[in-house]
Amino acid sequence: MSDRIDPELYAEHVLSCVEQVPRGRVTTYGAIAEVVGAHLGGGGPRQVGSIMASYGGPVPWWRVVRADGSLPASHHDEARQAYLEEGTPLRPSGSVDIRKAFWRPPEIG
């Protein structure tokens, strides 16, 4: 992340994006990084992942997945239960069907 970006502001914007993801839909670390980065001038998917690992507990973290629709193995069981409850489209492999479930975060004004 660029030295000129306030890390607390970046984290606030990332978590705000995650809170907006509708039930049964997902977004990606990259999509969030794109929207937040366009507004604040930097950051990337790894920074989003780091913020989610540190501060993502209170937000619907299971709605943020890798570009291929998968989650880290340590999150799989809890996330799968949330996907089933929310009706999130899944592939036979158990990962999210990203083509059916993807939600693009809106631009930050």
C-alpha atoms as a PDB file:
ATOM      1  CA  MET A   1       0.000   0.000   0.000  1.00  0.00           C
ATOM      2  CA  SER A   2       1.260   3.474  -0.803  1.00  0.00           C
ATOM      3  CA  ASP A   3       2.740   5.488   2.064  1.00  0.00           C
ATOM      4  CA  ARG A   4       0.286   8.288   1.350  1.00  0.00           C
ATOM      5  CA  ILE A   5      -2.806   6.149   1.969  1.00  0.00           C
ATOM      6  CA  ASP A   6      -4.172   6.232   5.504  1.00  0.00           C
ATOM      7  CA  PRO A   7      -4.345   2.532   6.536  1.00  0.00           C
ATOM      8  CA  GLU A   8      -7.348   3.138   8.804  1.00  0.00           C
ATOM      9  CA  LEU A   9      -9.256   4.859   5.996  1.00  0.00           C
ATOM     10  CA  TYR A  10      -8.348   2.044   3.591  1.00  0.00           C
ATOM     11  CA  ALA A  11      -9.606  -0.550   6.098  1.00  0.00           C
ATOM     12  CA  GLU A  12     -12.805   1.445   6.664  1.00  0.00           C
ATOM     13  CA  HIS A  13     -13.536   1.522   2.927  1.00  0.00           C
ATOM     14  CA  VAL A  14     -12.779  -2.191   2.495  1.00  0.00           C
ATOM     15  CA  LEU A  15     -15.104  -3.160   5.349  1.00  0.00           C
ATOM     16  CA  SER A  16     -17.790  -0.812   4.045  1.00  0.00           C
ATOM     17  CA  CYS A  17     -17.649  -2.554   0.640  1.00  0.00           C
ATOM     18  CA  VAL A  18     -17.980  -5.964   2.290  1.00  0.00           C
ATOM     19  CA  GLU A  19     -20.996  -4.820   4.307  1.00  0.00           C
ATOM     20  CA  GLN A  20     -22.773  -3.895   1.049  1.00  0.00           C
ATOM     21  CA  VAL A  21     -22.484  -7.334  -0.586  1.00  0.00           C
ATOM     22  CA  PRO A  22     -26.054  -8.697  -0.767  1.00  0.00           C
ATOM     23  CA  ARG A  23     -27.039 -12.059   0.745  1.00  0.00           C
ATOM     24  CA  GLY A  24     -26.463 -14.891  -1.705  1.00  0.00           C
ATOM     25  CA  ARG A  25     -23.858 -12.920  -3.664  1.00  0.00           C
ATOM     26  CA  VAL A  26     -20.070 -12.583  -3.442  1.00  0.00           C
ATOM     27  CA  THR A  27     -17.347 -10.239  -4.532  1.00  0.00           C
ATOM     28  CA  THR A  28     -13.608 -10.756  -4.834  1.00  0.00           C
ATOM     29  CA  TYR A  29     -10.577  -9.370  -3.066  1.00  0.00           C
ATOM     30  CA  GLY A  30      -9.557  -7.894  -6.413  1.00  0.00           C
ATOM     31  CA  ALA A  31     -12.901  -6.179  -7.063  1.00  0.00           C
ATOM     32  CA  ILE A  32     -12.792  -4.515  -3.657  1.00  0.00           C
ATOM     33  CA  ALA A  33      -9.160  -3.495  -4.196  1.00  0.00           C
ATOM     34  CA  GLU A  34     -10.102  -1.986  -7.551  1.00  0.00           C
ATOM     35  CA  VAL A  35     -12.895   0.166  -6.111  1.00  0.00           C
ATOM     36  CA  VAL A  36     -11.045   1.248  -2.970  1.00  0.00           C
ATOM     37  CA  GLY A  37      -7.802   1.766  -4.892  1.00  0.00           C
ATOM     38  CA  ALA A  38      -9.533   3.972  -7.471  1.00  0.00           C
ATOM     39  CA  HIS A  39     -10.816   6.162  -4.653  1.00  0.00           C
ATOM     40  CA  LEU A  40      -7.699   6.257  -2.468  1.00  0.00           C
ATOM     41  CA  GLY A  41      -4.981   5.794  -5.064  1.00  0.00           C
ATOM     42  CA  GLY A  42      -3.462   2.421  -4.233  1.00  0.00           C
ATOM     43  CA  GLY A  43      -3.695  -0.941  -2.543  1.00  0.00           C
ATOM     44  CA  GLY A  44      -4.421  -4.351  -3.984  1.00  0.00           C
ATOM     45  CA  PRO A  45      -6.037  -7.734  -3.340  1.00  0.00           C
ATOM     46  CA  ARG A  46      -3.408  -8.753  -0.790  1.00  0.00           C
ATOM     47  CA  GLN A  47      -4.059  -5.621   1.250  1.00  0.00           C
ATOM     48  CA  VAL A  48      -7.784  -6.387   1.159  1.00  0.00           C
ATOM     49  CA  GLY A  49      -7.031  -9.936   2.334  1.00  0.00           C
ATOM     50  CA  SER A  50      -4.876  -8.619   5.150  1.00  0.00           C
ATOM     51  CA  ILE A  51      -7.616  -6.269   6.292  1.00  0.00           C
ATOM     52  CA  MET A  52     -10.172  -9.061   6.138  1.00  0.00           C
ATOM     53  CA  ALA A  53      -7.890 -11.308   8.198  1.00  0.00           C
ATOM     54  CA  SER A  54      -7.361  -8.611  10.834  1.00  0.00           C
ATOM     55  CA  TYR A  55     -10.721  -6.835  10.972  1.00  0.00           C
ATOM     56  CA  GLY A  56     -13.226  -8.857   8.922  1.00  0.00           C
ATOM     57  CA  GLY A  57     -14.862 -10.837  11.731  1.00  0.00           C
ATOM     58  CA  PRO A  58     -17.846  -8.501  12.254  1.00  0.00           C
ATOM     59  CA  VAL A  59     -18.692  -8.200   8.526  1.00  0.00           C
ATOM     60  CA  PRO A  60     -19.992 -10.964   6.193  1.00  0.00           C
ATOM     61  CA  TRP A  61     -16.447 -12.134   5.349  1.00  0.00           C
ATOM     62  CA  TRP A  62     -17.674 -15.267   3.559  1.00  0.00           C
ATOM     63  CA  ARG A  63     -18.987 -13.023   0.789  1.00  0.00           C
ATOM     64  CA  VAL A  64     -15.409 -12.143  -0.235  1.00  0.00           C
ATOM     65  CA  VAL A  65     -13.736 -14.906  -2.236  1.00  0.00           C
ATOM     66  CA  ARG A  66     -10.768 -15.466  -4.495  1.00  0.00           C
ATOM     67  CA  ALA A  67     -11.224 -14.768  -8.206  1.00  0.00           C
ATOM     68  CA  ASP A  68     -11.919 -18.486  -8.805  1.00  0.00           C
ATOM     69  CA  GLY A  69     -14.720 -18.529  -6.194  1.00  0.00           C
ATOM     70  CA  SER A  70     -12.737 -20.323  -3.512  1.00  0.00           C
ATOM     71  CA  LEU A  71     -11.928 -19.461   0.080  1.00  0.00           C
ATOM     72  CA  PRO A  72      -8.945 -20.504   2.184  1.00  0.00           C
ATOM     73  CA  ALA A  73      -9.465 -24.097   3.397  1.00  0.00           C
ATOM     74  CA  SER A  74      -9.628 -22.938   7.028  1.00  0.00           C
ATOM     75  CA  HIS A  75     -12.820 -20.980   6.235  1.00  0.00           C
ATOM     76  CA  HIS A  76     -14.552 -23.559   4.064  1.00  0.00           C
ATOM     77  CA  ASP A  77     -16.950 -25.244   6.517  1.00  0.00           C
ATOM     78  CA  GLU A  78     -18.271 -22.076   8.153  1.00  0.00           C
ATOM     79  CA  ALA A  79     -18.554 -20.282   4.803  1.00  0.00           C
ATOM     80  CA  ARG A  80     -20.326 -23.236   3.166  1.00  0.00           C
ATOM     81  CA  GLN A  81     -22.992 -23.159   5.864  1.00  0.00           C
ATOM     82  CA  ALA A  82     -23.520 -19.423   5.227  1.00  0.00           C
ATOM     83  CA  TYR A  83     -23.699 -20.027   1.446  1.00  0.00           C
ATOM     84  CA  LEU A  84     -26.347 -22.699   1.903  1.00  0.00           C
ATOM     85  CA  GLU A  85     -28.394 -20.493   4.256  1.00  0.00           C
ATOM     86  CA  GLU A  86     -28.181 -17.538   1.851  1.00  0.00           C
ATOM     87  CA  GLY A  87     -28.773 -19.515  -1.353  1.00  0.00           C
ATOM     88  CA  THR A  88     -25.402 -18.590  -2.851  1.00  0.00           C
ATOM     89  CA  PRO A  89     -24.857 -20.435  -6.168  1.00  0.00           C
ATOM     90  CA  LEU A  90     -22.221 -23.155  -5.690  1.00  0.00           C
ATOM     91  CA  ARG A  91     -20.342 -25.402  -8.094  1.00  0.00           C
ATOM     92  CA  PRO A  92     -20.229 -29.167  -7.544  1.00  0.00           C
ATOM     93  CA  SER A  93     -16.692 -28.675  -6.163  1.00  0.00           C
ATOM     94  CA  GLY A  94     -18.152 -26.618  -3.302  1.00  0.00           C
ATOM     95  CA  SER A  95     -16.661 -23.313  -4.397  1.00  0.00           C
ATOM     96  CA  VAL A  96     -18.892 -20.379  -5.269  1.00  0.00           C
ATOM     97  CA  ASP A  97     -20.108 -20.180  -8.856  1.00  0.00           C
ATOM     98  CA  ILE A  98     -18.529 -16.783  -9.424  1.00  0.00           C
ATOM     99  CA  ARG A  99     -20.274 -16.268 -12.775  1.00  0.00           C
ATOM    100  CA  LYS A 100     -23.698 -16.511 -11.122  1.00  0.00           C
ATOM    101  CA  ALA A 101     -22.939 -14.982  -7.724  1.00  0.00           C
ATOM    102  CA  PHE A 102     -20.534 -12.117  -8.500  1.00  0.00           C
ATOM    103  CA  TRP A 103     -21.484  -8.649  -7.262  1.00  0.00           C
ATOM    104  CA  ARG A 104     -19.387  -5.615  -8.233  1.00  0.00           C
ATOM    105  CA  PRO A 105     -18.922  -3.063  -5.459  1.00  0.00           C
ATOM    106  CA  PRO A 106     -20.117   0.413  -6.447  1.00  0.00           C
ATOM    107  CA  GLU A 107     -17.630   3.191  -7.002  1.00  0.00           C
ATOM    108  CA  ILE A 108     -16.844   5.222  -3.922  1.00  0.00           C
ATOM    109  CA  GLY A 109     -17.901   8.819  -4.395  1.00  0.00           C
END
